C-alpha cells in the first residue's frame, strides 16, 4: 500500500528496498526557495539501526501493514518459546532470535503483542514494566542505607540488574522493559 511522505506518522512501518523501517521522527520543511521536503529518522525493524533520510514532499513510499496479535507466553520448549493466540487459541512456536532481548522479561503466563508482517515476526511489544522475582543477590544488611548504592541481582529470567541494597532474594521487583532498570519493589 502506497503512502505519501506528507502523511507519515510516528510509529508507521515502511517497506523500503533496504528492509522494514519504523518512522521515529519526521519533519516537513518548506525552504524559502526550492520544493518542500520531509526529513525523517527511521529505525530498522530487524537490526535496530537508525538512519536519516530526506524525501521530496508528496513522494510515494510503500507502507507495510503490520498485524498485531495478543499472545500469551505458555512455556519454553528447548530453544523455542510457545505462545498461544488469546483470540483463536492457536499455539505458535517462536525462536529466541525472533524475540530478541524481550526474552529477559518474559515469564510463563505473561502477555505480549507479537507484530507480524505476513508470516514473519518483526517485533514484540511488552508492557512498560514487568514484575519478576529475584533468584540471587546479596542479602540486605540492617542499617545499610547508603543513598543510591546498588548491587547486582539475578532475576528469574536470568537477567542481571542493579537494585538498591535493601532488596533481598525472593523479593518481587518491577523492571522497566524499555531500559532494563529497577523501578520499585512489588
N, C-alpha and C. Protein backbone atom coordinates (compact mmCIF):
# COMPACT_ATOMS: atom_id res chain seq x y z
N UNK A 1 0.85 -1.18 0.00
CA UNK A 1 0.00 0.00 0.00
C UNK A 1 0.89 1.24 0.00
N UNK A 2 0.65 2.16 -0.93
CA UNK A 2 1.46 3.37 -1.02
C UNK A 2 0.97 4.43 -0.06
N UNK A 3 1.91 5.19 0.47
CA UNK A 3 1.58 6.30 1.37
C UNK A 3 2.45 7.49 0.95
N UNK A 4 1.87 8.68 1.02
CA UNK A 4 2.60 9.89 0.67
C UNK A 4 3.48 10.31 1.84
N UNK A 5 4.64 10.91 1.55
CA UNK A 5 5.51 11.39 2.63
C UNK A 5 4.82 12.49 3.43
N UNK A 6 3.80 13.13 2.85
CA UNK A 6 3.04 14.15 3.59
C UNK A 6 2.17 13.51 4.67
N UNK A 7 1.90 12.20 4.56
CA UNK A 7 1.01 11.53 5.51
C UNK A 7 1.76 10.65 6.51
N UNK A 8 3.08 10.81 6.60
CA UNK A 8 3.85 9.99 7.55
C UNK A 8 3.45 10.29 8.98
N UNK A 9 3.47 9.27 9.82
CA UNK A 9 3.16 9.40 11.25
C UNK A 9 4.21 8.62 12.04
N UNK A 10 4.49 9.05 13.27
CA UNK A 10 5.40 8.29 14.13
C UNK A 10 4.83 6.90 14.38
N UNK A 11 5.71 5.89 14.33
CA UNK A 11 5.27 4.52 14.58
C UNK A 11 4.84 3.79 13.32
N UNK A 12 4.65 4.52 12.21
CA UNK A 12 4.26 3.89 10.94
C UNK A 12 5.41 3.02 10.45
N UNK A 13 5.10 1.88 9.83
CA UNK A 13 6.14 0.99 9.30
C UNK A 13 6.18 1.09 7.78
N UNK A 14 7.39 1.28 7.26
CA UNK A 14 7.58 1.41 5.81
C UNK A 14 8.36 0.21 5.28
N UNK A 15 7.97 -0.24 4.09
CA UNK A 15 8.66 -1.34 3.41
C UNK A 15 9.56 -0.72 2.35
N UNK A 16 10.81 -0.43 2.74
CA UNK A 16 11.76 0.19 1.83
C UNK A 16 12.63 -0.90 1.21
N UNK A 17 13.34 -0.60 0.10
CA UNK A 17 14.20 -1.61 -0.52
C UNK A 17 15.23 -2.19 0.46
N UNK A 18 15.67 -1.40 1.45
CA UNK A 18 16.67 -1.87 2.43
C UNK A 18 16.06 -2.72 3.53
N UNK A 19 14.73 -2.80 3.62
CA UNK A 19 14.07 -3.58 4.66
C UNK A 19 12.91 -2.83 5.28
N UNK A 20 12.43 -3.36 6.43
CA UNK A 20 11.33 -2.73 7.15
C UNK A 20 11.86 -1.66 8.10
N UNK A 21 11.24 -0.48 8.07
CA UNK A 21 11.66 0.62 8.92
C UNK A 21 10.47 1.25 9.62
N UNK A 22 10.65 1.60 10.91
CA UNK A 22 9.65 2.35 11.67
C UNK A 22 10.00 3.82 11.60
N UNK A 23 8.98 4.67 11.45
CA UNK A 23 9.20 6.11 11.47
C UNK A 23 9.31 6.53 12.94
N UNK A 24 10.49 7.06 13.31
CA UNK A 24 10.70 7.54 14.68
C UNK A 24 10.35 9.02 14.76
N UNK A 25 10.81 9.76 13.74
CA UNK A 25 10.63 11.20 13.71
C UNK A 25 10.47 11.64 12.27
N UNK A 26 9.70 12.69 12.05
CA UNK A 26 9.62 13.27 10.70
C UNK A 26 9.38 14.76 10.84
N UNK A 27 9.84 15.50 9.85
CA UNK A 27 9.69 16.95 9.90
C UNK A 27 9.47 17.46 8.48
N UNK A 28 8.38 18.20 8.29
CA UNK A 28 8.12 18.82 6.98
C UNK A 28 8.90 20.13 6.94
N UNK A 29 9.67 20.34 5.86
CA UNK A 29 10.48 21.55 5.73
C UNK A 29 10.09 22.25 4.43
N UNK A 30 9.77 23.54 4.54
CA UNK A 30 9.43 24.34 3.36
C UNK A 30 10.42 25.50 3.30
N UNK A 31 11.53 25.30 2.55
CA UNK A 31 12.53 26.37 2.47
C UNK A 31 12.01 27.56 1.66
N UNK A 32 12.69 28.68 1.76
CA UNK A 32 12.29 29.90 1.04
C UNK A 32 12.25 29.67 -0.46
N UNK A 33 13.28 29.02 -0.99
CA UNK A 33 13.21 28.68 -2.40
C UNK A 33 13.45 27.19 -2.58
N UNK A 34 12.93 26.66 -3.65
CA UNK A 34 13.03 25.22 -3.87
C UNK A 34 11.79 24.53 -3.33
N UNK A 35 11.68 23.23 -3.60
CA UNK A 35 10.49 22.49 -3.19
C UNK A 35 10.54 22.06 -1.73
N UNK A 36 9.38 21.81 -1.20
CA UNK A 36 9.29 21.33 0.18
C UNK A 36 9.81 19.88 0.24
N UNK A 37 10.30 19.49 1.43
CA UNK A 37 10.78 18.12 1.61
C UNK A 37 10.47 17.63 3.02
N UNK A 38 10.64 16.34 3.21
CA UNK A 38 10.36 15.73 4.50
C UNK A 38 11.64 15.06 5.00
N UNK A 39 12.09 15.46 6.17
CA UNK A 39 13.28 14.89 6.79
C UNK A 39 12.80 13.82 7.78
N UNK A 40 13.34 12.61 7.69
CA UNK A 40 12.86 11.52 8.55
C UNK A 40 14.00 10.85 9.30
N UNK A 41 13.65 10.25 10.43
CA UNK A 41 14.53 9.34 11.17
C UNK A 41 13.80 8.00 11.17
N UNK A 42 14.48 6.97 10.65
CA UNK A 42 13.86 5.65 10.51
C UNK A 42 14.67 4.61 11.26
N UNK A 43 13.97 3.68 11.91
CA UNK A 43 14.66 2.62 12.65
C UNK A 43 14.40 1.28 11.97
N UNK A 44 15.46 0.56 11.65
CA UNK A 44 15.37 -0.75 11.02
C UNK A 44 14.74 -1.73 12.01
N UNK A 45 13.65 -2.40 11.60
CA UNK A 45 12.93 -3.34 12.46
C UNK A 45 13.80 -4.52 12.89
N UNK A 46 14.68 -4.98 11.99
CA UNK A 46 15.46 -6.18 12.28
C UNK A 46 16.74 -5.89 13.03
N UNK A 47 17.48 -4.84 12.62
CA UNK A 47 18.79 -4.59 13.21
C UNK A 47 18.75 -3.53 14.30
N UNK A 48 17.71 -2.69 14.31
CA UNK A 48 17.64 -1.62 15.30
C UNK A 48 18.43 -0.39 14.89
N UNK A 49 19.12 -0.45 13.75
CA UNK A 49 19.93 0.70 13.29
C UNK A 49 19.01 1.86 12.90
N UNK A 50 19.42 3.07 13.23
CA UNK A 50 18.64 4.26 12.92
C UNK A 50 19.32 4.99 11.76
N UNK A 51 18.53 5.32 10.73
CA UNK A 51 19.08 6.07 9.60
C UNK A 51 18.25 7.34 9.42
N UNK A 52 18.85 8.33 8.79
CA UNK A 52 18.13 9.57 8.47
C UNK A 52 17.98 9.63 6.96
N UNK A 53 16.78 9.96 6.51
CA UNK A 53 16.50 10.05 5.07
C UNK A 53 15.72 11.33 4.81
N UNK A 54 15.95 11.88 3.63
CA UNK A 54 15.19 13.05 3.20
C UNK A 54 14.43 12.68 1.93
N UNK A 55 13.14 12.99 1.90
CA UNK A 55 12.30 12.70 0.74
C UNK A 55 11.65 13.98 0.24
N UNK A 56 11.31 14.01 -1.04
CA UNK A 56 10.55 15.14 -1.58
C UNK A 56 9.14 15.10 -0.97
N UNK A 57 8.53 16.27 -0.85
CA UNK A 57 7.16 16.30 -0.35
C UNK A 57 6.28 15.56 -1.34
N UNK A 58 5.34 14.80 -0.85
CA UNK A 58 4.37 14.04 -1.64
C UNK A 58 5.01 12.90 -2.44
N UNK A 59 6.23 12.47 -2.05
CA UNK A 59 6.83 11.28 -2.66
C UNK A 59 6.09 10.05 -2.12
N UNK A 60 5.93 9.05 -2.96
CA UNK A 60 5.20 7.84 -2.55
C UNK A 60 6.17 6.80 -2.00
N UNK A 61 5.82 6.23 -0.84
CA UNK A 61 6.60 5.16 -0.22
C UNK A 61 5.66 3.99 0.02
N UNK A 62 6.22 2.81 0.16
CA UNK A 62 5.43 1.60 0.41
C UNK A 62 5.23 1.44 1.92
N UNK A 63 3.98 1.40 2.36
CA UNK A 63 3.70 1.18 3.78
C UNK A 63 3.51 -0.31 4.04
N UNK A 64 4.15 -0.82 5.09
CA UNK A 64 3.99 -2.22 5.46
C UNK A 64 2.84 -2.33 6.46
N UNK A 65 1.92 -3.22 6.20
CA UNK A 65 0.80 -3.42 7.11
C UNK A 65 1.22 -4.47 8.14
N UNK A 66 1.31 -4.03 9.38
CA UNK A 66 1.75 -4.90 10.47
C UNK A 66 0.51 -5.38 11.23
N UNK A 67 0.42 -6.70 11.36
CA UNK A 67 -0.69 -7.32 12.08
C UNK A 67 -0.24 -7.55 13.51
N UNK A 68 -0.94 -6.94 14.47
CA UNK A 68 -0.58 -7.10 15.88
C UNK A 68 -1.52 -8.09 16.52
N UNK A 69 -0.94 -9.15 17.12
CA UNK A 69 -1.76 -10.18 17.76
C UNK A 69 -1.37 -10.32 19.22
N UNK A 70 -2.39 -10.32 20.08
CA UNK A 70 -2.13 -10.51 21.51
C UNK A 70 -1.93 -12.00 21.77
N UNK A 71 -0.77 -12.32 22.35
CA UNK A 71 -0.41 -13.71 22.61
C UNK A 71 -0.03 -13.87 24.08
N UNK A 72 -0.20 -15.08 24.58
CA UNK A 72 0.22 -15.39 25.95
C UNK A 72 1.37 -16.38 25.88
N UNK A 73 2.44 -16.08 26.63
CA UNK A 73 3.59 -16.97 26.67
C UNK A 73 3.24 -18.14 27.58
N UNK A 74 3.26 -19.36 27.02
CA UNK A 74 2.89 -20.55 27.79
C UNK A 74 4.09 -21.20 28.47
N UNK A 75 5.09 -21.60 27.66
CA UNK A 75 6.25 -22.28 28.24
C UNK A 75 7.39 -22.30 27.23
N UNK A 76 8.58 -22.66 27.73
CA UNK A 76 9.75 -22.83 26.86
C UNK A 76 9.87 -24.28 26.48
N UNK A 77 10.18 -24.52 25.21
CA UNK A 77 10.37 -25.88 24.72
C UNK A 77 11.76 -25.92 24.08
N UNK A 78 12.76 -26.25 24.88
CA UNK A 78 14.14 -26.22 24.39
C UNK A 78 14.55 -24.80 24.10
N UNK A 79 14.87 -24.52 22.84
CA UNK A 79 15.28 -23.16 22.47
C UNK A 79 14.11 -22.33 21.96
N UNK A 80 12.92 -22.93 21.90
CA UNK A 80 11.76 -22.20 21.39
C UNK A 80 10.80 -21.80 22.50
N UNK A 81 10.08 -20.73 22.24
CA UNK A 81 9.08 -20.22 23.17
C UNK A 81 7.71 -20.52 22.56
N UNK A 82 6.81 -21.09 23.36
CA UNK A 82 5.49 -21.43 22.86
C UNK A 82 4.49 -20.36 23.32
N UNK A 83 3.82 -19.75 22.35
CA UNK A 83 2.82 -18.72 22.61
C UNK A 83 1.46 -19.22 22.18
N UNK A 84 0.41 -18.68 22.82
CA UNK A 84 -0.96 -19.00 22.42
C UNK A 84 -1.66 -17.70 22.04
N UNK A 85 -2.31 -17.72 20.88
CA UNK A 85 -3.10 -16.57 20.43
C UNK A 85 -4.31 -16.49 21.36
N UNK A 86 -4.52 -15.35 22.02
CA UNK A 86 -5.60 -15.24 23.01
C UNK A 86 -6.99 -15.19 22.39
N UNK A 87 -7.08 -14.95 21.06
CA UNK A 87 -8.42 -14.94 20.46
C UNK A 87 -8.75 -16.27 19.78
N UNK A 88 -7.77 -16.89 19.11
CA UNK A 88 -8.06 -18.13 18.37
C UNK A 88 -7.59 -19.39 19.12
N UNK A 89 -6.79 -19.21 20.18
CA UNK A 89 -6.21 -20.30 20.98
C UNK A 89 -5.23 -21.16 20.18
N UNK A 90 -4.79 -20.68 18.99
CA UNK A 90 -3.76 -21.38 18.23
C UNK A 90 -2.42 -21.22 18.94
N UNK A 91 -1.61 -22.29 18.91
CA UNK A 91 -0.29 -22.20 19.52
C UNK A 91 0.76 -21.95 18.46
N UNK A 92 1.79 -21.21 18.82
CA UNK A 92 2.82 -20.81 17.90
C UNK A 92 4.18 -20.96 18.57
N UNK A 93 5.13 -21.58 17.88
CA UNK A 93 6.48 -21.70 18.42
C UNK A 93 7.35 -20.60 17.82
N UNK A 94 8.04 -19.87 18.69
CA UNK A 94 8.84 -18.73 18.29
C UNK A 94 10.28 -18.95 18.75
N UNK A 95 11.23 -18.64 17.89
CA UNK A 95 12.63 -18.83 18.26
C UNK A 95 13.15 -17.65 19.07
N UNK A 96 14.26 -17.90 19.75
CA UNK A 96 14.94 -16.88 20.54
C UNK A 96 15.32 -15.68 19.68
N UNK A 97 15.77 -15.93 18.44
CA UNK A 97 16.20 -14.85 17.54
C UNK A 97 15.05 -13.91 17.21
N UNK A 98 13.84 -14.47 17.03
CA UNK A 98 12.69 -13.64 16.68
C UNK A 98 12.26 -12.75 17.85
N UNK A 99 12.51 -13.19 19.08
CA UNK A 99 12.10 -12.42 20.25
C UNK A 99 13.15 -11.41 20.68
N UNK A 100 14.42 -11.66 20.34
CA UNK A 100 15.49 -10.73 20.72
C UNK A 100 15.64 -10.64 22.23
N UNK A 101 15.91 -9.42 22.72
CA UNK A 101 16.15 -9.26 24.16
C UNK A 101 14.88 -9.23 25.00
N UNK A 102 13.71 -9.36 24.37
CA UNK A 102 12.47 -9.39 25.15
C UNK A 102 12.38 -10.66 26.00
N UNK A 103 13.19 -11.69 25.67
CA UNK A 103 13.16 -12.93 26.46
C UNK A 103 13.61 -12.68 27.91
N UNK A 104 14.35 -11.61 28.14
CA UNK A 104 14.80 -11.28 29.50
C UNK A 104 13.66 -10.85 30.41
N UNK A 105 12.51 -10.53 29.83
CA UNK A 105 11.38 -10.02 30.61
C UNK A 105 10.17 -10.95 30.58
N UNK A 106 10.25 -12.06 29.83
CA UNK A 106 9.09 -12.95 29.69
C UNK A 106 9.12 -14.09 30.69
N UNK A 107 8.00 -14.27 31.40
CA UNK A 107 7.85 -15.46 32.22
C UNK A 107 6.53 -16.12 31.86
N UNK A 108 6.39 -17.38 32.22
CA UNK A 108 5.20 -18.14 31.83
C UNK A 108 3.93 -17.42 32.28
N UNK A 109 2.95 -17.34 31.37
CA UNK A 109 1.67 -16.71 31.69
C UNK A 109 1.61 -15.25 31.30
N UNK A 110 2.75 -14.65 30.94
CA UNK A 110 2.77 -13.23 30.57
C UNK A 110 2.15 -13.02 29.19
N UNK A 111 1.57 -11.84 29.01
CA UNK A 111 1.01 -11.46 27.71
C UNK A 111 2.01 -10.58 26.97
N UNK A 112 2.02 -10.71 25.65
CA UNK A 112 2.85 -9.87 24.79
C UNK A 112 2.09 -9.68 23.49
N UNK A 113 2.38 -8.60 22.79
CA UNK A 113 1.78 -8.36 21.48
C UNK A 113 2.86 -8.64 20.44
N UNK A 114 2.64 -9.69 19.64
CA UNK A 114 3.59 -10.04 18.58
C UNK A 114 3.16 -9.33 17.30
N UNK A 115 4.13 -8.72 16.64
CA UNK A 115 3.87 -7.98 15.40
C UNK A 115 4.28 -8.84 14.22
N UNK A 116 3.33 -9.09 13.32
CA UNK A 116 3.57 -9.93 12.15
C UNK A 116 3.54 -9.11 10.89
N UNK A 117 4.44 -9.42 9.97
CA UNK A 117 4.42 -8.88 8.62
C UNK A 117 4.36 -10.10 7.74
N UNK A 118 3.17 -10.42 7.26
CA UNK A 118 2.94 -11.71 6.60
C UNK A 118 3.04 -12.79 7.66
N UNK A 119 3.90 -13.77 7.47
CA UNK A 119 4.09 -14.83 8.47
C UNK A 119 5.30 -14.58 9.35
N UNK A 120 6.01 -13.48 9.11
CA UNK A 120 7.26 -13.21 9.83
C UNK A 120 7.01 -12.32 11.05
N UNK A 121 7.61 -12.68 12.18
CA UNK A 121 7.52 -11.85 13.39
C UNK A 121 8.56 -10.76 13.27
N UNK A 122 8.12 -9.50 13.31
CA UNK A 122 9.04 -8.38 13.14
C UNK A 122 9.18 -7.53 14.40
N UNK A 123 8.45 -7.88 15.45
CA UNK A 123 8.57 -7.11 16.68
C UNK A 123 7.73 -7.71 17.79
N UNK A 124 8.07 -7.33 19.02
CA UNK A 124 7.34 -7.78 20.20
C UNK A 124 7.11 -6.58 21.09
N UNK A 125 5.86 -6.36 21.49
CA UNK A 125 5.54 -5.28 22.43
C UNK A 125 5.27 -5.89 23.78
N UNK A 126 5.97 -5.41 24.79
CA UNK A 126 5.75 -5.86 26.16
C UNK A 126 5.12 -4.72 26.94
N UNK A 127 4.54 -5.03 28.11
CA UNK A 127 4.10 -3.93 28.98
C UNK A 127 5.30 -3.06 29.34
N UNK A 128 5.08 -1.80 29.73
CA UNK A 128 6.18 -0.88 30.06
C UNK A 128 7.01 -1.40 31.23
N UNK A 129 6.35 -2.12 32.15
CA UNK A 129 7.05 -2.68 33.32
C UNK A 129 6.52 -4.08 33.60
N UNK A 130 7.41 -4.95 34.08
CA UNK A 130 7.01 -6.31 34.45
C UNK A 130 7.49 -6.60 35.86
N UNK A 131 6.78 -7.53 36.54
CA UNK A 131 7.19 -7.95 37.87
C UNK A 131 7.94 -9.27 37.76
N UNK A 132 9.15 -9.30 38.31
CA UNK A 132 9.97 -10.50 38.27
C UNK A 132 10.52 -10.77 39.67
N UNK A 133 10.77 -12.05 39.97
CA UNK A 133 11.28 -12.44 41.28
C UNK A 133 12.80 -12.52 41.23
N UNK A 134 13.46 -12.04 42.28
CA UNK A 134 14.91 -12.11 42.37
C UNK A 134 15.29 -13.51 42.83
N UNK A 135 16.17 -14.17 42.08
CA UNK A 135 16.61 -15.51 42.46
C UNK A 135 17.92 -15.48 43.22
N UNK A 136 18.73 -14.45 42.97
CA UNK A 136 20.05 -14.41 43.60
C UNK A 136 20.53 -12.99 43.77
N UNK A 137 20.91 -12.64 45.00
CA UNK A 137 21.56 -11.35 45.29
C UNK A 137 22.10 -11.43 46.71
N UNK A 138 23.00 -10.52 47.05
CA UNK A 138 23.50 -10.46 48.42
C UNK A 138 22.33 -10.03 49.31
N UNK A 139 22.17 -10.65 50.49
CA UNK A 139 21.06 -10.21 51.36
C UNK A 139 21.30 -8.78 51.86
N UNK A 140 20.21 -8.06 52.09
CA UNK A 140 20.32 -6.70 52.61
C UNK A 140 20.78 -6.73 54.06
N UNK A 141 21.60 -5.75 54.44
CA UNK A 141 22.11 -5.68 55.80
C UNK A 141 21.37 -4.58 56.54
N UNK A 142 20.91 -4.87 57.75
CA UNK A 142 20.18 -3.88 58.54
C UNK A 142 21.03 -2.63 58.74
N UNK A 143 20.46 -1.47 58.47
CA UNK A 143 21.18 -0.21 58.66
C UNK A 143 22.02 0.19 57.46
N UNK A 144 22.12 -0.68 56.45
CA UNK A 144 22.90 -0.36 55.26
C UNK A 144 22.00 0.41 54.29
N UNK A 145 21.94 1.69 54.47
CA UNK A 145 21.02 2.51 53.68
C UNK A 145 21.76 3.62 52.95
N UNK A 146 22.94 3.34 52.43
CA UNK A 146 23.71 4.36 51.71
C UNK A 146 22.86 4.82 50.53
N UNK A 147 22.63 6.11 50.43
CA UNK A 147 21.76 6.65 49.39
C UNK A 147 22.32 6.36 48.00
N UNK A 148 21.49 5.72 47.17
CA UNK A 148 21.86 5.48 45.79
C UNK A 148 22.78 4.29 45.56
N UNK A 149 23.22 3.60 46.62
CA UNK A 149 24.12 2.46 46.45
C UNK A 149 23.35 1.29 45.83
N UNK A 150 24.01 0.56 44.94
CA UNK A 150 23.36 -0.53 44.22
C UNK A 150 24.18 -1.81 44.31
N UNK A 151 23.51 -2.93 44.06
CA UNK A 151 24.19 -4.23 43.99
C UNK A 151 23.55 -5.03 42.86
N UNK A 152 24.28 -5.99 42.27
CA UNK A 152 23.69 -6.80 41.19
C UNK A 152 22.71 -7.83 41.74
N UNK A 153 21.66 -8.11 40.97
CA UNK A 153 20.67 -9.13 41.34
C UNK A 153 20.29 -9.89 40.09
N UNK A 154 20.19 -11.22 40.22
CA UNK A 154 19.77 -12.07 39.10
C UNK A 154 18.28 -12.33 39.24
N UNK A 155 17.54 -12.13 38.14
CA UNK A 155 16.09 -12.34 38.15
C UNK A 155 15.75 -13.73 37.65
N UNK A 156 14.49 -14.14 37.82
CA UNK A 156 14.05 -15.49 37.43
C UNK A 156 14.25 -15.78 35.95
N UNK A 157 14.35 -14.75 35.11
CA UNK A 157 14.54 -14.97 33.67
C UNK A 157 16.02 -15.04 33.31
N UNK A 158 16.91 -14.82 34.30
CA UNK A 158 18.34 -14.85 34.05
C UNK A 158 18.94 -13.46 33.84
N UNK A 159 18.10 -12.45 33.73
CA UNK A 159 18.56 -11.08 33.56
C UNK A 159 19.22 -10.59 34.86
N UNK A 160 20.35 -9.88 34.74
CA UNK A 160 21.02 -9.31 35.90
C UNK A 160 20.82 -7.80 35.85
N UNK A 161 20.28 -7.23 36.94
CA UNK A 161 20.06 -5.78 37.03
C UNK A 161 20.67 -5.25 38.32
N UNK A 162 20.80 -3.94 38.40
CA UNK A 162 21.28 -3.29 39.62
C UNK A 162 20.07 -2.90 40.47
N UNK A 163 20.10 -3.28 41.76
CA UNK A 163 19.00 -2.98 42.67
C UNK A 163 19.55 -2.29 43.92
N UNK A 164 18.69 -1.58 44.67
CA UNK A 164 19.15 -0.96 45.93
C UNK A 164 19.58 -2.04 46.94
N UNK A 165 20.38 -1.63 47.92
CA UNK A 165 20.94 -2.56 48.89
C UNK A 165 19.89 -3.29 49.73
N UNK A 166 18.71 -2.67 49.95
CA UNK A 166 17.70 -3.27 50.83
C UNK A 166 16.90 -4.40 50.17
N UNK A 167 17.09 -4.65 48.88
CA UNK A 167 16.33 -5.70 48.19
C UNK A 167 16.96 -7.06 48.50
N UNK A 168 16.11 -8.06 48.79
CA UNK A 168 16.57 -9.39 49.20
C UNK A 168 16.21 -10.46 48.18
N UNK A 169 16.86 -11.63 48.25
CA UNK A 169 16.46 -12.75 47.38
C UNK A 169 14.98 -13.08 47.62
N UNK A 170 14.30 -13.54 46.60
CA UNK A 170 12.88 -13.89 46.56
C UNK A 170 11.93 -12.68 46.62
N UNK A 171 12.47 -11.46 46.68
CA UNK A 171 11.61 -10.27 46.57
C UNK A 171 11.13 -10.16 45.12
N UNK A 172 9.91 -9.63 44.96
CA UNK A 172 9.42 -9.33 43.61
C UNK A 172 9.74 -7.86 43.34
N UNK A 173 10.27 -7.59 42.14
CA UNK A 173 10.61 -6.22 41.78
C UNK A 173 9.99 -5.87 40.44
N UNK A 174 9.72 -4.58 40.25
CA UNK A 174 9.22 -4.08 38.97
C UNK A 174 10.41 -3.62 38.16
N UNK A 175 10.47 -4.06 36.88
CA UNK A 175 11.57 -3.71 36.00
C UNK A 175 11.01 -3.03 34.75
N UNK A 176 11.64 -1.93 34.35
CA UNK A 176 11.25 -1.21 33.13
C UNK A 176 11.73 -2.03 31.93
N UNK A 177 10.81 -2.44 31.04
CA UNK A 177 11.19 -3.29 29.91
C UNK A 177 11.89 -2.50 28.80
N UNK A 178 11.80 -1.18 28.83
CA UNK A 178 12.46 -0.38 27.79
C UNK A 178 13.93 -0.15 28.13
N UNK A 179 14.24 0.02 29.43
CA UNK A 179 15.62 0.34 29.82
C UNK A 179 16.29 -0.78 30.60
N UNK A 180 15.51 -1.72 31.13
CA UNK A 180 16.08 -2.80 31.93
C UNK A 180 16.46 -2.35 33.33
N UNK A 181 15.87 -1.26 33.80
CA UNK A 181 16.22 -0.72 35.11
C UNK A 181 15.19 -1.11 36.16
N UNK A 182 15.68 -1.24 37.41
CA UNK A 182 14.84 -1.48 38.58
C UNK A 182 13.96 -0.27 38.80
N UNK A 183 12.67 -0.49 39.06
CA UNK A 183 11.77 0.63 39.34
C UNK A 183 11.41 0.68 40.83
N UNK A 184 10.89 -0.44 41.34
CA UNK A 184 10.44 -0.48 42.73
C UNK A 184 10.22 -1.92 43.15
N UNK A 185 10.08 -2.13 44.47
CA UNK A 185 9.69 -3.46 44.93
C UNK A 185 8.19 -3.63 44.68
N UNK A 186 7.79 -4.83 44.32
CA UNK A 186 6.37 -5.07 44.01
C UNK A 186 5.61 -5.54 45.24
